[in-house]
Amino acid sequence: MSNFQIIQEDLSARARLAYLRTDHGVIETPVFMPVATQAVFKGGLDSDDARSIGAPIILANTYHLYLRGAVPIIKRAGGLHKFMNWDRPILTDSGGFQVWSLGKGARKNSLCKIDDDGATFVSHLDGNAHRFTPEIAVQIQHDLGADIIMAFDEASDEASSYSYTKEAMDRTHKWAERCIAAMSNYKSQITNRQLLFGIIQGGRFKTLRKKSARIISSMNFDGVAIGGESIGYNMKRTAEILEYLAPQIPKEKPIYAMGVGFSPADFFTVIERGVDMFDCVAPARIARHGLLYSKGAGSKRGHRINLMNARYKDDFSRVCDWCDCRVCVTYTRAYLRHLFKADEMTAFRLATIHNLRFMLKVMEEIRASLKDREFARLKREWILRA
């Protein structure tokens, strides 16, 4: 039986409602995944907070957990779920993007050197050298006990040459095969199910992207991710890439756009092009700077207010009347602004709770609109207010 089941497809776009089955629960997609980088959420949130705001699945960072020596401890604890008291699904990245970003691939005197076998990199924490290969990346994620693990890949940015981008893409494909082989060894040893996703690369080059999509989609992966520095960071380019990749990716597999979720409008951009899953650190990151989402706010960059502005000093209204988070129910803009100005840590916590709940509520509304065949109407409502 397939782990992924499409329930309903939109009539006017490629948006779809589906179920993704894991050992820690069924995920209703499309879904936004809050990021718990080091088995905890930035801004002072814990697992109970994540449950209370309705996070169906979270993402943990392989690279950072590994560098801090947490992996063997987590394994002895029985995996990430037990270690952080989280009973819902977890996705872990492979560390490939973080390792690559240390050196931007071909940059001279970089902190990372990549070869056909893997990547050698220098820790930003203590300067010690480490080595990741596809097999090591799979082993780490297996030890972490994630429900969904990512294949080890090599990214490329918008400035990369065609020759380097192709080299990185070809290497990603070879590493993908090695990740599948490594996973096959573990599947005979374990009783729990771990899903493996492959990652499409190819940078800014359409021919390479399409080739990568065909190759990764043909492999025995449980899902297909679309990676690279432009995805999520440049939404115009993201939309273009998703448009021409659509015919290359089988619809019966879940599609994951990595790094998407800076603005509510970004959700609609990828969902209407067939994407089922996405993650982004931005909602929590901007919260720590006093930028809070508020539906209908006049920000040109997407339903946000800046609590640092003096206009909110005496504003005793809720952050957002539409949001149902406990911050909006309990506190005012003036109070939250006061906490930020007073450098109180509670400001970060409350703002992060709000921003993550806001984005998760947007997703709940989108899933409901797909059930009711109202996706196009909902998109107009959100985009026009942006």
Protein backbone atom coordinates (compact mmCIF):
# COMPACT_ATOMS: atom_id res chain seq x y z
CA MET A 1 0.00 0.00 0.00
CA SER A 2 1.38 3.43 -0.95
CA ASN A 3 2.40 5.79 1.83
CA PHE A 4 0.91 8.69 -0.16
CA GLN A 5 -2.75 8.92 -1.16
CA ILE A 6 -4.30 11.80 -3.10
CA ILE A 7 -7.79 12.53 -1.79
CA GLN A 8 -8.89 15.44 -3.94
CA GLU A 9 -7.46 17.61 -6.71
CA ASP A 10 -8.32 21.22 -7.41
CA LEU A 11 -10.21 21.90 -10.63
CA SER A 12 -8.35 25.10 -11.54
CA ALA A 13 -4.77 24.29 -10.53
CA ARG A 14 -2.48 21.38 -9.62
CA ALA A 15 -3.23 21.82 -5.92
CA ARG A 16 -4.22 18.62 -4.18
CA LEU A 17 -5.30 17.31 -0.81
CA ALA A 18 -3.56 14.11 0.25
CA TYR A 19 -2.52 11.87 3.12
CA LEU A 20 1.08 10.87 3.85
CA ARG A 21 1.35 7.91 6.21
CA THR A 22 4.21 7.60 8.69
CA ASP A 23 4.81 5.53 11.79
CA HIS A 24 4.04 8.53 13.96
CA GLY A 25 0.79 9.50 12.30
CA VAL A 26 -0.91 10.41 9.06
CA ILE A 27 -0.02 13.86 7.72
CA GLU A 28 -2.71 15.73 5.83
CA THR A 29 -1.08 17.67 3.01
CA PRO A 30 -0.38 20.33 1.89
CA VAL A 31 1.55 20.95 5.09
CA PHE A 32 3.93 23.51 6.55
CA MET A 33 6.69 22.08 8.77
CA PRO A 34 8.02 24.28 11.60
CA VAL A 35 11.77 23.92 12.11
CA ALA A 36 13.18 22.51 15.36
CA THR A 37 16.84 22.94 14.41
CA GLN A 38 18.48 21.29 17.42
CA ALA A 39 15.50 19.25 18.64
CA VAL A 40 14.03 22.49 19.94
CA PHE A 41 12.33 25.50 18.39
CA LYS A 42 14.08 28.86 18.23
CA GLY A 43 12.41 31.50 20.36
CA GLY A 44 12.01 29.41 23.52
CA LEU A 45 9.25 27.04 22.38
CA ASP A 46 9.13 23.41 23.43
CA SER A 47 7.29 20.34 22.15
CA ASP A 48 4.13 21.13 24.12
CA ASP A 49 4.01 24.56 22.46
CA ALA A 50 4.38 22.94 19.03
CA ARG A 51 1.50 20.58 19.77
CA SER A 52 -0.69 23.39 21.07
CA ILE A 53 -0.27 25.45 17.89
CA GLY A 54 -1.20 22.44 15.76
CA ALA A 55 2.09 21.45 14.11
CA PRO A 56 1.40 18.15 12.29
CA ILE A 57 5.10 17.49 11.55
CA ILE A 58 8.38 19.21 12.38
CA LEU A 59 11.86 19.35 10.86
CA ALA A 60 15.15 18.81 12.68
CA ASN A 61 18.63 19.72 11.43
CA THR A 62 21.04 16.85 10.96
CA TYR A 63 24.11 19.05 10.58
CA HIS A 64 23.65 20.97 13.83
CA LEU A 65 22.69 17.92 15.89
CA TYR A 66 25.73 16.07 14.57
CA LEU A 67 28.20 18.89 15.27
CA ARG A 68 27.05 19.19 18.86
CA GLY A 69 27.63 15.49 19.48
CA ALA A 70 23.93 14.90 20.12
CA VAL A 71 23.38 12.00 17.70
CA PRO A 72 24.72 9.13 19.87
CA ILE A 73 22.89 10.54 22.88
CA ILE A 74 19.64 10.78 20.91
CA LYS A 75 20.11 7.22 19.67
CA ARG A 76 20.57 5.95 23.24
CA ALA A 77 17.43 7.86 24.24
CA GLY A 78 15.45 5.93 21.65
CA GLY A 79 15.41 8.54 18.89
CA LEU A 80 14.35 12.14 18.47
CA HIS A 81 10.71 11.47 19.35
CA LYS A 82 11.52 10.21 22.83
CA PHE A 83 14.43 12.59 23.31
CA MET A 84 12.33 15.72 22.76
CA ASN A 85 8.94 14.29 23.82
CA TRP A 86 7.37 14.63 20.38
CA ASP A 87 4.80 12.03 19.31
CA ARG A 88 4.13 13.29 15.78
CA PRO A 89 6.15 12.86 12.56
CA ILE A 90 9.65 14.31 12.14
CA LEU A 91 11.58 15.05 8.95
CA THR A 92 15.35 15.46 9.06
CA ASP A 93 17.47 17.12 6.40
CA SER A 94 20.67 15.42 5.27
CA GLY A 95 23.04 18.25 6.15
CA GLY A 96 23.95 18.60 2.49
CA PHE A 97 22.83 22.22 2.16
CA GLN A 98 24.54 23.33 5.37
CA VAL A 99 27.79 21.59 4.44
CA TRP A 100 27.71 23.04 0.92
CA SER A 101 26.93 26.54 2.18
CA LEU A 102 30.13 26.54 4.25
CA GLY A 103 32.06 26.75 1.01
CA LYS A 104 29.48 27.61 -1.65
CA GLY A 105 30.74 24.60 -3.53
CA ALA A 106 33.71 25.73 -5.64
CA ARG A 107 34.82 28.78 -3.64
CA LYS A 108 38.54 28.90 -2.90
CA ASN A 109 39.75 28.65 0.71
CA SER A 110 36.32 27.47 1.74
CA LEU A 111 35.36 25.60 4.89
CA CYS A 112 34.13 22.70 2.77
CA LYS A 113 35.79 20.56 0.11
CA ILE A 114 33.53 18.32 -1.97
CA ASP A 115 34.68 15.29 -3.94
CA ASP A 116 32.89 12.40 -5.61
CA ASP A 117 32.83 10.33 -2.44
CA GLY A 118 31.51 13.01 -0.08
CA ALA A 119 32.31 16.30 1.65
CA THR A 120 34.98 17.28 4.16
CA PHE A 121 34.13 20.38 6.16
CA VAL A 122 35.35 22.42 9.08
CA SER A 123 33.03 22.91 12.04
CA HIS A 124 32.00 26.50 12.62
CA LEU A 125 31.92 25.68 16.34
CA ASP A 126 35.46 24.51 17.06
CA GLY A 127 37.34 24.32 13.76
CA ASN A 128 37.57 20.53 13.75
CA ALA A 129 37.32 18.69 10.43
CA HIS A 130 34.43 16.30 9.70
CA ARG A 131 33.40 14.05 6.84
CA PHE A 132 29.92 13.42 5.40
CA THR A 133 29.22 10.81 2.74
CA PRO A 134 25.81 9.61 1.53
CA GLU A 135 26.15 6.57 3.75
CA ILE A 136 27.07 8.63 6.81
CA ALA A 137 24.18 11.06 6.22
CA VAL A 138 21.72 8.18 6.01
CA GLN A 139 23.18 6.53 9.10
CA ILE A 140 22.89 9.73 11.15
CA GLN A 141 19.27 10.24 10.17
CA HIS A 142 18.51 6.57 10.79
CA ASP A 143 20.02 6.90 14.28
CA LEU A 144 17.93 10.00 14.89
CA GLY A 145 14.83 7.92 14.13
CA ALA A 146 13.19 10.40 11.77
CA ASP A 147 10.04 9.38 9.91
CA ILE A 148 11.24 11.08 6.71
CA ILE A 149 14.92 11.38 5.87
CA MET A 150 16.56 13.23 3.00
CA ALA A 151 19.17 11.98 0.55
CA PHE A 152 22.59 13.63 0.72
CA ASP A 153 22.97 16.14 -2.10
CA GLU A 154 25.11 18.98 -3.42
CA ALA A 155 23.37 22.29 -4.03
CA SER A 156 24.33 25.16 -6.34
CA ASP A 157 23.44 28.83 -6.27
CA GLU A 158 22.25 31.29 -8.89
CA ALA A 159 25.81 32.46 -9.56
CA SER A 160 27.22 29.00 -10.26
CA SER A 161 28.47 28.24 -13.76
CA TYR A 162 26.86 25.63 -15.98
CA SER A 163 29.84 23.30 -15.65
CA TYR A 164 29.91 23.44 -11.86
CA THR A 165 26.11 23.13 -11.58
CA LYS A 166 26.14 20.06 -13.83
CA GLU A 167 28.97 18.52 -11.84
CA ALA A 168 27.06 19.07 -8.60
CA MET A 169 23.87 17.67 -10.13
CA ASP A 170 25.58 14.54 -11.46
CA ARG A 171 27.18 14.01 -8.07
CA THR A 172 23.78 14.40 -6.40
CA HIS A 173 22.37 11.65 -8.63
CA LYS A 174 25.21 9.26 -7.79
CA TRP A 175 24.86 10.05 -4.11
CA ALA A 176 21.11 9.43 -4.38
CA GLU A 177 21.75 5.89 -5.57
CA ARG A 178 24.13 5.34 -2.66
CA CYS A 179 21.54 6.67 -0.20
CA ILE A 180 18.94 4.20 -1.53
CA ALA A 181 21.44 1.36 -1.18
CA ALA A 182 22.31 2.45 2.38
CA MET A 183 18.64 2.60 3.33
CA SER A 184 18.04 -0.90 1.97
CA ASN A 185 20.53 -2.22 4.51
CA TYR A 186 18.64 -0.62 7.39
CA LYS A 187 15.18 -1.72 6.23
CA SER A 188 16.07 -5.34 6.94
CA GLN A 189 17.19 -4.46 10.48
CA ILE A 190 14.36 -2.29 11.77
CA THR A 191 10.66 -2.63 12.38
CA ASN A 192 9.76 1.05 12.07
CA ARG A 193 9.25 2.60 8.66
CA GLN A 194 11.49 5.44 7.51
CA LEU A 195 10.67 7.19 4.24
CA LEU A 196 13.49 8.42 1.98
CA PHE A 197 13.15 11.49 -0.25
CA GLY A 198 15.44 12.35 -3.16
CA ILE A 199 16.36 15.93 -4.05
CA ILE A 200 16.23 17.58 -7.47
CA GLN A 201 19.11 19.94 -8.22
CA GLY A 202 20.25 21.77 -11.38
CA GLY A 203 20.45 25.37 -10.18
CA ARG A 204 19.28 28.07 -12.58
CA PHE A 205 19.57 25.92 -15.70
CA LYS A 206 16.27 24.61 -17.07
CA THR A 207 17.81 21.71 -18.99
CA LEU A 208 19.68 20.51 -15.90
CA ARG A 209 16.67 20.92 -13.63
CA LYS A 210 14.47 18.88 -15.97
CA LYS A 211 17.10 16.18 -16.30
CA SER A 212 17.52 16.00 -12.55
CA ALA A 213 13.76 15.78 -12.07
CA ARG A 214 13.51 12.86 -14.48
CA ILE A 215 16.41 10.98 -12.88
CA ILE A 216 15.43 11.52 -9.25
CA SER A 217 11.77 10.73 -10.01
CA SER A 218 12.76 7.46 -11.65
CA MET A 219 14.59 6.25 -8.55
CA ASN A 220 13.02 4.26 -5.74
CA PHE A 221 12.33 7.23 -3.47
CA ASP A 222 9.22 7.66 -1.33
CA GLY A 223 9.04 11.36 -2.21
CA VAL A 224 10.69 14.02 -4.35
CA ALA A 225 12.13 17.28 -3.03
CA ILE A 226 13.14 20.35 -5.02
CA GLY A 227 16.28 21.94 -3.63
CA GLY A 228 18.81 24.62 -4.43
CA GLU A 229 19.39 28.11 -3.10
CA SER A 230 16.75 29.82 -5.26
CA ILE A 231 13.86 27.67 -3.99
CA GLY A 232 11.92 29.65 -1.42
CA TYR A 233 14.36 32.55 -1.48
CA ASN A 234 13.28 33.83 -4.90
CA MET A 235 9.58 33.07 -5.30
CA LYS A 236 9.41 34.21 -8.93
CA ARG A 237 12.17 31.77 -9.82
CA THR A 238 10.55 29.14 -7.60
CA ALA A 239 7.30 29.44 -9.55
CA GLU A 240 9.12 29.20 -12.88
CA ILE A 241 11.03 26.10 -11.81
CA LEU A 242 7.91 24.37 -10.50
CA GLU A 243 6.05 25.11 -13.74
CA TYR A 244 8.51 23.45 -16.05
CA LEU A 245 9.31 20.61 -13.67
CA ALA A 246 5.69 19.54 -13.23
CA PRO A 247 5.59 17.16 -16.23
CA GLN A 248 8.80 15.47 -15.04
CA ILE A 249 7.63 14.55 -11.52
CA PRO A 250 5.16 11.68 -10.98
CA LYS A 251 2.03 12.94 -9.27
CA GLU A 252 1.73 9.80 -7.16
CA LYS A 253 4.68 10.87 -5.00
CA PRO A 254 4.67 13.70 -2.42
CA ILE A 255 6.53 16.82 -3.57
CA TYR A 256 8.56 18.88 -1.11
CA ALA A 257 9.73 22.44 -1.91
CA MET A 258 12.57 23.10 0.50
CA GLY A 259 12.75 26.47 2.27
CA VAL A 260 9.32 27.85 1.31
CA GLY A 261 7.19 29.79 3.82
CA PHE A 262 8.38 33.37 4.27
CA SER A 263 4.95 34.81 3.48
CA PRO A 264 1.42 33.33 3.36
CA ALA A 265 1.39 34.20 -0.35
CA ASP A 266 4.32 31.81 -0.86
CA PHE A 267 2.10 28.90 0.16
CA PHE A 268 -0.33 29.59 -2.66
CA THR A 269 2.50 29.96 -5.18
CA VAL A 270 3.77 26.43 -4.57
CA ILE A 271 0.53 24.64 -3.68
CA GLU A 272 -1.16 25.65 -6.92
CA ARG A 273 1.82 24.09 -8.70
CA GLY A 274 1.42 20.72 -7.02
CA VAL A 275 3.68 21.00 -3.95
CA ASP A 276 2.60 19.07 -0.86
CA MET A 277 5.23 19.93 1.77
CA PHE A 278 7.46 22.88 2.69
CA ASP A 279 9.44 24.30 5.58
CA CYS A 280 10.98 27.65 6.44
CA VAL A 281 12.86 29.20 9.35
CA ALA A 282 11.61 32.70 8.47
CA PRO A 283 8.39 32.85 10.56
CA ALA A 284 10.35 32.14 13.75
CA ARG A 285 13.34 34.23 12.70
CA ILE A 286 11.41 37.40 11.90
CA ALA A 287 9.38 36.96 15.09
CA ARG A 288 12.57 37.45 17.10
CA HIS A 289 12.94 40.86 15.41
CA GLY A 290 9.43 42.02 16.28
CA LEU A 291 7.90 41.28 12.87
CA LEU A 292 4.53 39.63 13.39
CA TYR A 293 2.00 38.34 10.86
CA SER A 294 -1.40 39.99 10.82
CA LYS A 295 -4.00 39.23 8.19
CA GLY A 296 -4.90 42.30 6.19
CA ALA A 297 -1.94 44.35 7.41
CA GLY A 298 -0.76 46.90 4.86
CA SER A 299 2.74 45.49 4.46
CA LYS A 300 3.81 45.09 0.85
CA ARG A 301 5.87 42.08 1.93
CA GLY A 302 2.94 40.07 3.14
CA HIS A 303 0.57 40.58 6.07
CA ARG A 304 3.12 41.78 8.64
CA ILE A 305 3.48 44.49 11.22
CA ASN A 306 6.68 45.74 12.85
CA LEU A 307 6.13 46.08 16.58
CA MET A 308 9.23 48.23 16.88
CA ASN A 309 7.36 51.08 15.21
CA ALA A 310 6.29 53.82 17.63
CA ARG A 311 2.72 53.65 16.35
CA TYR A 312 2.16 50.46 18.38
CA LYS A 313 3.25 51.97 21.71
CA ASP A 314 -0.35 52.71 22.68
CA ASP A 315 -2.04 50.13 20.47
CA PHE A 316 -4.14 47.96 22.77
CA SER A 317 -5.63 45.81 20.02
CA ARG A 318 -4.78 42.20 19.27
CA VAL A 319 -1.91 41.41 16.94
CA CYS A 320 -4.42 39.80 14.57
CA ASP A 321 -8.18 39.42 14.97
CA TRP A 322 -8.17 36.45 12.59
CA CYS A 323 -5.54 34.46 14.49
CA ASP A 324 -6.65 32.11 17.28
CA CYS A 325 -3.30 31.69 19.02
CA ARG A 326 -3.18 32.28 22.77
CA VAL A 327 -0.98 35.34 22.24
CA CYS A 328 -3.64 37.08 20.19
CA VAL A 329 -6.34 36.04 22.63
CA THR A 330 -4.41 37.21 25.70
CA TYR A 331 -2.07 40.13 24.88
CA THR A 332 -2.03 43.42 23.02
CA ARG A 333 0.37 44.90 20.50
CA ALA A 334 1.39 47.51 23.06
CA TYR A 335 2.32 44.86 25.62
CA LEU A 336 4.34 42.80 23.16
CA ARG A 337 6.14 45.93 21.98
CA HIS A 338 6.94 46.74 25.60
CA LEU A 339 8.51 43.29 26.05
CA PHE A 340 10.71 43.76 22.99
CA LYS A 341 11.79 47.22 24.08
CA ALA A 342 12.59 45.87 27.54
CA ASP A 343 14.68 43.04 26.01
CA GLU A 344 12.57 40.42 27.75
CA MET A 345 13.02 36.85 26.47
CA THR A 346 9.27 36.34 26.75
CA ALA A 347 8.90 38.65 23.76
CA PHE A 348 10.69 36.14 21.53
CA ARG A 349 8.61 33.25 22.84
CA LEU A 350 5.22 34.92 22.44
CA ALA A 351 6.04 36.36 19.03
CA THR A 352 7.25 32.97 17.77
CA ILE A 353 4.17 31.18 19.07
CA HIS A 354 2.04 33.67 17.19
CA ASN A 355 3.93 33.57 13.89
CA LEU A 356 4.06 29.79 13.72
CA ARG A 357 0.40 29.38 14.69
CA PHE A 358 -0.55 32.04 12.12
CA MET A 359 1.18 30.14 9.31
CA LEU A 360 -0.22 26.79 10.43
CA LYS A 361 -3.71 28.31 10.52
CA VAL A 362 -3.24 29.57 6.97
CA MET A 363 -2.46 25.99 6.00
CA GLU A 364 -5.55 24.70 7.79
CA GLU A 365 -7.62 27.20 5.85
CA ILE A 366 -6.00 26.12 2.58
CA ARG A 367 -6.71 22.43 3.24
CA ALA A 368 -10.33 23.27 4.08
CA SER A 369 -10.62 25.27 0.85
CA LEU A 370 -9.37 22.28 -1.15
CA LYS A 371 -12.00 20.08 0.46
CA ASP A 372 -14.70 22.63 -0.39
CA ARG A 373 -13.26 23.43 -3.85
CA GLU A 374 -12.70 27.04 -2.80
CA PHE A 375 -8.94 27.24 -3.30
CA ALA A 376 -9.05 29.89 -6.05
CA ARG A 377 -11.33 32.12 -3.96
CA LEU A 378 -9.11 31.79 -0.90
CA LYS A 379 -6.02 32.59 -2.94
CA ARG A 380 -7.61 35.82 -4.21
CA GLU A 381 -8.54 36.79 -0.67
CA TRP A 382 -4.98 36.39 0.63
CA ILE A 383 -3.08 37.71 -2.37
CA LEU A 384 -5.19 40.85 -2.74
CA ARG A 385 -4.60 41.71 0.90
CA ALA A 386 -0.85 41.22 0.69
